[in-house]
Amino acid sequence: MHRKSTAEQLRDDLRDLVDAVVPEVESAVHTVAERTPPLVNKGRAVAVEKGTHAAEALARRIPDPVVDRLPDAVADHLPQERHRGRKVLLVLVTLGLVGVIGALAAKRAQGSGPARPDGPSSYPRPVAEDADPVDPVDPSDPLVEPRVDGTSG
């Protein structure tokens, strides 16, 4: 029998090892290639958010005299506080609601004149005794011409 040399045995063992390991390595590389971009993007977003919060916290701690002495190029990059716009919006919404409530109250106060009777209204209404039932024209109306017989109406 022919005996294999140590180099031939190592070559065969290495070939077997590569054949066994390559599919697992390819699978791991494929998994990493699929999962890495979303994780990197999520990590970048979290880093940007935390960096923004840290920059705002640091900018609030810088004294105003120091900020006033900074060059414009640097001062323009300082983060501004974003809550000011929310406060203004909240004040405007509150004032709007107060105005609407006030308008509704004023309208209700104007409309609450004499109370209407709960019962059905009585029709026909009674006519004053001096009014002419045939000609219900108001004599104080400037457009009414006097009658031929001398009475107004």
N, C-alpha and C. Protein backbone atom coordinates (compact mmCIF):
# COMPACT_ATOMS: atom_id res chain seq x y z
N MET A 1 0.81 -1.18 0.00
CA MET A 1 0.00 0.00 0.00
C MET A 1 0.85 1.24 0.00
N HIS A 2 0.29 2.18 -0.71
CA HIS A 2 1.02 3.43 -0.81
C HIS A 2 0.62 4.33 0.35
N ARG A 3 1.60 4.78 1.03
CA ARG A 3 1.36 5.66 2.17
C ARG A 3 1.43 7.10 1.73
N LYS A 4 0.36 7.92 2.15
CA LYS A 4 0.33 9.34 1.77
C LYS A 4 1.33 10.11 2.61
N SER A 5 1.89 11.08 2.00
CA SER A 5 2.81 11.93 2.75
C SER A 5 2.03 12.89 3.63
N THR A 6 2.69 13.49 4.54
CA THR A 6 2.05 14.42 5.46
C THR A 6 1.50 15.63 4.71
N ALA A 7 2.16 16.08 3.70
CA ALA A 7 1.68 17.22 2.91
C ALA A 7 0.40 16.87 2.20
N GLU A 8 0.32 15.65 1.66
CA GLU A 8 -0.90 15.24 0.97
C GLU A 8 -2.06 15.10 1.96
N GLN A 9 -1.78 14.60 3.14
CA GLN A 9 -2.82 14.46 4.15
C GLN A 9 -3.31 15.85 4.59
N LEU A 10 -2.39 16.77 4.78
CA LEU A 10 -2.79 18.13 5.16
C LEU A 10 -3.61 18.80 4.05
N ARG A 11 -3.19 18.58 2.81
CA ARG A 11 -3.94 19.15 1.69
C ARG A 11 -5.36 18.60 1.68
N ASP A 12 -5.53 17.31 1.85
CA ASP A 12 -6.87 16.72 1.87
C ASP A 12 -7.68 17.22 3.06
N ASP A 13 -7.06 17.34 4.21
CA ASP A 13 -7.76 17.84 5.40
C ASP A 13 -8.19 19.30 5.21
N LEU A 14 -7.31 20.09 4.64
CA LEU A 14 -7.66 21.49 4.38
C LEU A 14 -8.80 21.60 3.38
N ARG A 15 -8.77 20.76 2.35
CA ARG A 15 -9.84 20.77 1.35
C ARG A 15 -11.17 20.39 2.02
N ASP A 16 -11.18 19.40 2.87
CA ASP A 16 -12.39 18.99 3.58
C ASP A 16 -12.88 20.12 4.51
N LEU A 17 -11.92 20.76 5.17
CA LEU A 17 -12.27 21.87 6.06
C LEU A 17 -12.89 23.02 5.28
N VAL A 18 -12.30 23.39 4.16
CA VAL A 18 -12.83 24.47 3.33
C VAL A 18 -14.21 24.10 2.82
N ASP A 19 -14.40 22.87 2.37
CA ASP A 19 -15.71 22.44 1.87
C ASP A 19 -16.77 22.48 2.97
N ALA A 20 -16.39 22.22 4.20
CA ALA A 20 -17.35 22.23 5.31
C ALA A 20 -17.63 23.65 5.82
N VAL A 21 -16.63 24.51 5.79
CA VAL A 21 -16.76 25.84 6.40
C VAL A 21 -17.32 26.87 5.42
N VAL A 22 -17.01 26.77 4.15
CA VAL A 22 -17.40 27.79 3.17
C VAL A 22 -18.90 28.06 3.16
N PRO A 23 -19.80 27.06 3.15
CA PRO A 23 -21.23 27.39 3.15
C PRO A 23 -21.66 28.17 4.39
N GLU A 24 -21.09 27.83 5.55
CA GLU A 24 -21.45 28.56 6.77
C GLU A 24 -20.92 29.99 6.73
N VAL A 25 -19.72 30.17 6.21
CA VAL A 25 -19.15 31.51 6.10
C VAL A 25 -19.95 32.34 5.10
N GLU A 26 -20.33 31.74 3.98
CA GLU A 26 -21.14 32.46 3.00
C GLU A 26 -22.48 32.86 3.59
N SER A 27 -23.10 31.98 4.35
CA SER A 27 -24.38 32.29 4.99
C SER A 27 -24.22 33.44 5.99
N ALA A 28 -23.15 33.40 6.77
CA ALA A 28 -22.91 34.47 7.75
C ALA A 28 -22.65 35.80 7.05
N VAL A 29 -21.88 35.78 5.98
CA VAL A 29 -21.60 37.01 5.23
C VAL A 29 -22.88 37.56 4.63
N HIS A 30 -23.73 36.68 4.10
CA HIS A 30 -25.00 37.11 3.51
C HIS A 30 -25.90 37.75 4.59
N THR A 31 -25.96 37.13 5.76
CA THR A 31 -26.77 37.67 6.85
C THR A 31 -26.26 39.04 7.28
N VAL A 32 -24.95 39.16 7.41
CA VAL A 32 -24.37 40.44 7.80
C VAL A 32 -24.65 41.50 6.74
N ALA A 33 -24.55 41.12 5.47
CA ALA A 33 -24.80 42.08 4.38
C ALA A 33 -26.25 42.54 4.36
N GLU A 34 -27.17 41.67 4.74
CA GLU A 34 -28.60 42.06 4.77
C GLU A 34 -28.92 42.96 5.96
N ARG A 35 -28.38 42.62 7.10
CA ARG A 35 -28.77 43.31 8.33
C ARG A 35 -27.96 44.58 8.61
N THR A 36 -26.83 44.72 8.04
CA THR A 36 -25.97 45.86 8.36
C THR A 36 -26.54 47.21 7.93
N PRO A 37 -26.98 47.40 6.68
CA PRO A 37 -27.45 48.75 6.30
C PRO A 37 -28.60 49.28 7.16
N PRO A 38 -29.66 48.48 7.45
CA PRO A 38 -30.69 49.04 8.33
C PRO A 38 -30.17 49.38 9.72
N LEU A 39 -29.29 48.52 10.25
CA LEU A 39 -28.75 48.80 11.59
C LEU A 39 -27.86 50.04 11.58
N VAL A 40 -27.10 50.21 10.53
CA VAL A 40 -26.24 51.39 10.42
C VAL A 40 -27.10 52.65 10.32
N ASN A 41 -28.15 52.59 9.49
CA ASN A 41 -29.03 53.76 9.35
C ASN A 41 -29.72 54.09 10.67
N LYS A 42 -30.19 53.06 11.37
CA LYS A 42 -30.85 53.28 12.66
C LYS A 42 -29.85 53.87 13.66
N GLY A 43 -28.62 53.33 13.65
CA GLY A 43 -27.59 53.85 14.55
C GLY A 43 -27.25 55.30 14.25
N ARG A 44 -27.19 55.65 12.97
CA ARG A 44 -26.93 57.05 12.59
C ARG A 44 -28.05 57.96 13.07
N ALA A 45 -29.29 57.51 12.89
CA ALA A 45 -30.43 58.34 13.32
C ALA A 45 -30.40 58.56 14.83
N VAL A 46 -30.11 57.51 15.58
CA VAL A 46 -30.04 57.64 17.04
C VAL A 46 -28.89 58.56 17.43
N ALA A 47 -27.76 58.43 16.74
CA ALA A 47 -26.60 59.29 17.04
C ALA A 47 -26.92 60.74 16.74
N VAL A 48 -27.60 61.01 15.64
CA VAL A 48 -27.96 62.39 15.30
C VAL A 48 -28.90 62.96 16.36
N GLU A 49 -29.88 62.17 16.77
CA GLU A 49 -30.85 62.65 17.77
C GLU A 49 -30.15 62.93 19.09
N LYS A 50 -29.32 62.00 19.54
CA LYS A 50 -28.61 62.22 20.81
C LYS A 50 -27.61 63.36 20.70
N GLY A 51 -26.97 63.50 19.55
CA GLY A 51 -26.06 64.61 19.35
C GLY A 51 -26.77 65.94 19.39
N THR A 52 -27.96 65.99 18.81
CA THR A 52 -28.76 67.22 18.84
C THR A 52 -29.14 67.59 20.26
N HIS A 53 -29.59 66.59 21.02
CA HIS A 53 -29.95 66.86 22.42
C HIS A 53 -28.74 67.33 23.23
N ALA A 54 -27.59 66.69 23.00
CA ALA A 54 -26.39 67.08 23.73
C ALA A 54 -25.96 68.50 23.34
N ALA A 55 -26.04 68.83 22.05
CA ALA A 55 -25.66 70.17 21.60
C ALA A 55 -26.59 71.22 22.18
N GLU A 56 -27.89 70.92 22.25
CA GLU A 56 -28.84 71.88 22.84
C GLU A 56 -28.54 72.07 24.32
N ALA A 57 -28.24 70.98 25.02
CA ALA A 57 -27.94 71.09 26.44
C ALA A 57 -26.67 71.92 26.66
N LEU A 58 -25.67 71.69 25.85
CA LEU A 58 -24.43 72.47 25.98
C LEU A 58 -24.65 73.93 25.60
N ALA A 59 -25.45 74.18 24.57
CA ALA A 59 -25.69 75.56 24.13
C ALA A 59 -26.45 76.35 25.19
N ARG A 60 -27.32 75.67 25.95
CA ARG A 60 -28.06 76.36 27.01
C ARG A 60 -27.12 76.76 28.16
N ARG A 61 -26.01 76.04 28.31
CA ARG A 61 -25.09 76.31 29.42
C ARG A 61 -24.06 77.39 29.08
N ILE A 62 -23.97 77.77 27.84
CA ILE A 62 -23.01 78.82 27.46
C ILE A 62 -23.60 80.15 27.89
N PRO A 63 -22.88 80.93 28.66
CA PRO A 63 -23.41 82.23 29.10
C PRO A 63 -23.64 83.16 27.91
N ASP A 64 -24.63 84.04 28.05
CA ASP A 64 -24.96 84.98 26.98
C ASP A 64 -23.80 85.89 26.59
N PRO A 65 -23.00 86.39 27.53
CA PRO A 65 -21.87 87.24 27.10
C PRO A 65 -20.88 86.48 26.21
N VAL A 66 -20.72 85.18 26.47
CA VAL A 66 -19.82 84.40 25.63
C VAL A 66 -20.41 84.21 24.24
N VAL A 67 -21.70 83.94 24.18
CA VAL A 67 -22.36 83.76 22.88
C VAL A 67 -22.29 85.06 22.08
N ASP A 68 -22.43 86.19 22.75
CA ASP A 68 -22.37 87.49 22.05
C ASP A 68 -21.01 87.75 21.45
N ARG A 69 -19.95 87.22 22.06
CA ARG A 69 -18.59 87.45 21.55
C ARG A 69 -18.18 86.44 20.49
N LEU A 70 -18.97 85.41 20.26
CA LEU A 70 -18.61 84.40 19.25
C LEU A 70 -18.72 84.99 17.85
N PRO A 71 -17.88 84.54 16.94
CA PRO A 71 -18.04 84.98 15.54
C PRO A 71 -19.37 84.49 14.98
N ASP A 72 -19.89 85.21 14.00
CA ASP A 72 -21.19 84.87 13.42
C ASP A 72 -21.19 83.47 12.83
N ALA A 73 -20.08 83.06 12.24
CA ALA A 73 -20.02 81.73 11.63
C ALA A 73 -20.21 80.63 12.68
N VAL A 74 -19.71 80.87 13.89
CA VAL A 74 -19.87 79.89 14.97
C VAL A 74 -21.25 80.02 15.60
N ALA A 75 -21.69 81.22 15.84
CA ALA A 75 -22.99 81.44 16.49
C ALA A 75 -24.13 80.93 15.63
N ASP A 76 -23.97 80.97 14.32
CA ASP A 76 -25.04 80.48 13.44
C ASP A 76 -25.22 78.97 13.57
N HIS A 77 -24.18 78.27 13.97
CA HIS A 77 -24.27 76.81 14.09
C HIS A 77 -24.72 76.34 15.46
N LEU A 78 -24.89 77.26 16.40
CA LEU A 78 -25.39 76.87 17.71
C LEU A 78 -26.85 76.46 17.58
N PRO A 79 -27.25 75.35 18.22
CA PRO A 79 -28.66 74.93 18.12
C PRO A 79 -29.56 75.90 18.86
N GLN A 80 -30.69 76.14 18.26
CA GLN A 80 -31.67 77.04 18.85
C GLN A 80 -32.70 76.21 19.62
N GLU A 81 -33.27 76.80 20.62
CA GLU A 81 -34.28 76.10 21.41
C GLU A 81 -35.57 76.01 20.60
N ARG A 82 -36.10 74.82 20.48
CA ARG A 82 -37.28 74.61 19.64
C ARG A 82 -38.59 74.78 20.39
N HIS A 83 -38.55 74.85 21.69
CA HIS A 83 -39.79 74.91 22.47
C HIS A 83 -40.46 76.27 22.41
N ARG A 84 -39.76 77.29 21.96
CA ARG A 84 -40.33 78.64 21.89
C ARG A 84 -41.51 78.67 20.92
N GLY A 85 -41.39 78.02 19.79
CA GLY A 85 -42.48 77.99 18.81
C GLY A 85 -43.70 77.27 19.36
N ARG A 86 -43.46 76.22 20.12
CA ARG A 86 -44.59 75.50 20.72
C ARG A 86 -45.32 76.36 21.74
N LYS A 87 -44.55 77.14 22.51
CA LYS A 87 -45.18 78.01 23.51
C LYS A 87 -46.04 79.07 22.83
N VAL A 88 -45.53 79.65 21.77
CA VAL A 88 -46.29 80.67 21.04
C VAL A 88 -47.56 80.07 20.47
N LEU A 89 -47.46 78.87 19.91
CA LEU A 89 -48.63 78.20 19.35
C LEU A 89 -49.64 77.91 20.45
N LEU A 90 -49.18 77.46 21.60
CA LEU A 90 -50.08 77.17 22.71
C LEU A 90 -50.80 78.44 23.18
N VAL A 91 -50.09 79.56 23.26
CA VAL A 91 -50.70 80.82 23.68
C VAL A 91 -51.74 81.27 22.65
N LEU A 92 -51.42 81.16 21.36
CA LEU A 92 -52.38 81.56 20.32
C LEU A 92 -53.63 80.69 20.34
N VAL A 93 -53.47 79.40 20.53
CA VAL A 93 -54.63 78.50 20.59
C VAL A 93 -55.48 78.83 21.80
N THR A 94 -54.84 79.10 22.93
CA THR A 94 -55.58 79.45 24.15
C THR A 94 -56.36 80.74 23.95
N LEU A 95 -55.71 81.75 23.37
CA LEU A 95 -56.42 83.01 23.12
C LEU A 95 -57.58 82.81 22.15
N GLY A 96 -57.39 81.98 21.14
CA GLY A 96 -58.47 81.69 20.19
C GLY A 96 -59.66 81.04 20.88
N LEU A 97 -59.37 80.07 21.76
CA LEU A 97 -60.46 79.41 22.48
C LEU A 97 -61.19 80.38 23.40
N VAL A 98 -60.44 81.24 24.07
CA VAL A 98 -61.08 82.23 24.95
C VAL A 98 -61.96 83.16 24.11
N GLY A 99 -61.48 83.57 22.93
CA GLY A 99 -62.28 84.44 22.06
C GLY A 99 -63.55 83.77 21.59
N VAL A 100 -63.45 82.50 21.22
CA VAL A 100 -64.64 81.78 20.75
C VAL A 100 -65.64 81.63 21.89
N ILE A 101 -65.15 81.28 23.07
CA ILE A 101 -66.05 81.14 24.22
C ILE A 101 -66.71 82.47 24.55
N GLY A 102 -65.94 83.56 24.48
CA GLY A 102 -66.51 84.89 24.74
C GLY A 102 -67.56 85.27 23.71
N ALA A 103 -67.30 84.95 22.43
CA ALA A 103 -68.27 85.27 21.39
C ALA A 103 -69.54 84.46 21.57
N LEU A 104 -69.41 83.20 21.94
CA LEU A 104 -70.60 82.38 22.18
C LEU A 104 -71.39 82.90 23.38
N ALA A 105 -70.69 83.32 24.43
CA ALA A 105 -71.38 83.86 25.61
C ALA A 105 -72.10 85.16 25.26
N ALA A 106 -71.46 86.02 24.46
CA ALA A 106 -72.11 87.28 24.06
C ALA A 106 -73.32 87.02 23.19
N LYS A 107 -73.20 86.06 22.31
CA LYS A 107 -74.33 85.73 21.44
C LYS A 107 -75.49 85.16 22.25
N ARG A 108 -75.17 84.35 23.22
CA ARG A 108 -76.22 83.78 24.07
C ARG A 108 -76.88 84.88 24.91
N ALA A 109 -76.06 85.85 25.38
CA ALA A 109 -76.61 86.93 26.20
C ALA A 109 -77.52 87.82 25.35
N GLN A 110 -77.18 88.06 24.08
CA GLN A 110 -78.04 88.86 23.20
C GLN A 110 -79.32 88.12 22.88
N GLY A 111 -79.24 86.85 22.67
CA GLY A 111 -80.40 86.07 22.26
C GLY A 111 -81.34 85.77 23.40
N SER A 112 -80.95 86.03 24.64
CA SER A 112 -81.83 85.70 25.77
C SER A 112 -82.67 86.91 26.13
N GLY A 113 -83.52 87.32 25.21
CA GLY A 113 -84.46 88.42 25.44
C GLY A 113 -85.65 87.90 26.23
N PRO A 114 -86.85 88.33 25.89
CA PRO A 114 -88.02 87.83 26.60
C PRO A 114 -88.18 86.33 26.34
N ALA A 115 -88.54 85.65 27.39
CA ALA A 115 -88.68 84.20 27.28
C ALA A 115 -89.92 83.85 26.47
N ARG A 116 -89.81 82.85 25.67
CA ARG A 116 -90.96 82.40 24.87
C ARG A 116 -91.88 81.56 25.75
N PRO A 117 -93.17 81.67 25.51
CA PRO A 117 -94.08 80.84 26.29
C PRO A 117 -93.90 79.37 25.90
N ASP A 118 -94.05 78.52 26.89
CA ASP A 118 -93.88 77.10 26.62
C ASP A 118 -95.04 76.52 25.83
N GLY A 119 -96.19 77.08 25.96
CA GLY A 119 -97.37 76.57 25.26
C GLY A 119 -97.37 76.98 23.80
N PRO A 120 -98.32 76.47 23.05
CA PRO A 120 -98.41 76.84 21.63
C PRO A 120 -98.80 78.31 21.50
N SER A 121 -98.34 78.95 20.44
CA SER A 121 -98.67 80.36 20.24
C SER A 121 -100.13 80.47 19.81
N SER A 122 -100.72 81.58 20.19
CA SER A 122 -102.14 81.76 19.89
C SER A 122 -102.29 82.54 18.58
N TYR A 123 -102.74 81.88 17.57
CA TYR A 123 -103.01 82.51 16.28
C TYR A 123 -104.49 82.47 16.03
N PRO A 124 -105.06 83.39 15.45
CA PRO A 124 -104.56 84.70 15.05
C PRO A 124 -104.34 85.58 16.26
N ARG A 125 -103.42 86.48 16.14
CA ARG A 125 -103.12 87.39 17.23
C ARG A 125 -104.26 88.39 17.39
N PRO A 126 -104.45 88.84 18.61
CA PRO A 126 -105.51 89.84 18.79
C PRO A 126 -105.11 91.16 18.15
N VAL A 127 -106.05 91.81 17.57
CA VAL A 127 -105.82 93.07 16.87
C VAL A 127 -106.30 94.20 17.77
N ALA A 128 -105.51 95.29 17.77
CA ALA A 128 -105.92 96.44 18.57
C ALA A 128 -107.23 96.99 18.04
N GLU A 129 -108.03 97.59 18.93
CA GLU A 129 -109.37 98.03 18.55
C GLU A 129 -109.37 99.18 17.56
N ASP A 130 -108.35 100.04 17.62
CA ASP A 130 -108.36 101.18 16.72
C ASP A 130 -107.77 100.84 15.34
N ALA A 131 -107.21 99.66 15.17
CA ALA A 131 -106.64 99.31 13.86
C ALA A 131 -107.74 98.87 12.92
N ASP A 132 -107.59 99.20 11.67
CA ASP A 132 -108.57 98.83 10.65
C ASP A 132 -108.32 97.38 10.24
N PRO A 133 -109.26 96.47 10.49
CA PRO A 133 -109.02 95.07 10.17
C PRO A 133 -108.92 94.84 8.66
N VAL A 134 -109.47 95.72 7.84
CA VAL A 134 -109.42 95.52 6.41
C VAL A 134 -108.09 96.00 5.85
N ASP A 135 -107.58 97.13 6.35
CA ASP A 135 -106.35 97.72 5.83
C ASP A 135 -105.31 97.76 6.96
N PRO A 136 -104.44 96.74 7.09
CA PRO A 136 -103.48 96.70 8.20
C PRO A 136 -102.23 97.51 7.90
N VAL A 137 -102.35 98.72 7.41
CA VAL A 137 -101.21 99.56 7.07
C VAL A 137 -100.86 100.40 8.28
N ASP A 138 -99.58 100.54 8.53
CA ASP A 138 -99.10 101.35 9.65
C ASP A 138 -99.21 102.82 9.28
N PRO A 139 -99.94 103.63 10.05
CA PRO A 139 -100.12 105.03 9.70
C PRO A 139 -98.85 105.86 9.88
N SER A 140 -97.88 105.36 10.65
CA SER A 140 -96.65 106.14 10.84
C SER A 140 -95.64 105.89 9.72
N ASP A 141 -95.96 105.00 8.79
CA ASP A 141 -95.06 104.68 7.67
C ASP A 141 -95.03 105.88 6.72
N PRO A 142 -93.83 106.44 6.40
CA PRO A 142 -93.76 107.63 5.54
C PRO A 142 -94.15 107.34 4.09
N LEU A 143 -94.15 106.09 3.70
CA LEU A 143 -94.51 105.76 2.33
C LEU A 143 -96.02 105.61 2.12
N VAL A 144 -96.76 105.66 3.21
CA VAL A 144 -98.21 105.51 3.09
C VAL A 144 -98.81 106.87 2.70
N GLU A 145 -99.62 106.85 1.66
CA GLU A 145 -100.27 108.08 1.21
C GLU A 145 -101.60 108.25 1.95
N PRO A 146 -101.96 109.48 2.22
CA PRO A 146 -103.25 109.68 2.91
C PRO A 146 -104.42 109.29 2.01
N ARG A 147 -105.49 108.84 2.67
CA ARG A 147 -106.68 108.46 1.92
C ARG A 147 -107.40 109.67 1.39
N VAL A 148 -108.25 109.39 0.50
CA VAL A 148 -109.04 110.47 -0.12
C VAL A 148 -110.02 111.06 0.90
N ASP A 149 -110.50 110.25 1.80
CA ASP A 149 -111.47 110.73 2.78
C ASP A 149 -110.79 111.49 3.93
N GLY A 150 -109.45 111.63 3.88
CA GLY A 150 -108.75 112.46 4.87
C GLY A 150 -108.06 111.67 5.96
N THR A 151 -108.35 110.42 6.09
CA THR A 151 -107.68 109.63 7.12
C THR A 151 -106.38 109.07 6.55
N SER A 152 -105.46 108.75 7.39
CA SER A 152 -104.19 108.19 6.90
C SER A 152 -104.33 106.67 6.82
N GLY A 153 -103.50 106.10 5.96
CA GLY A 153 -103.54 104.64 5.92
C GLY A 153 -103.51 104.13 4.58
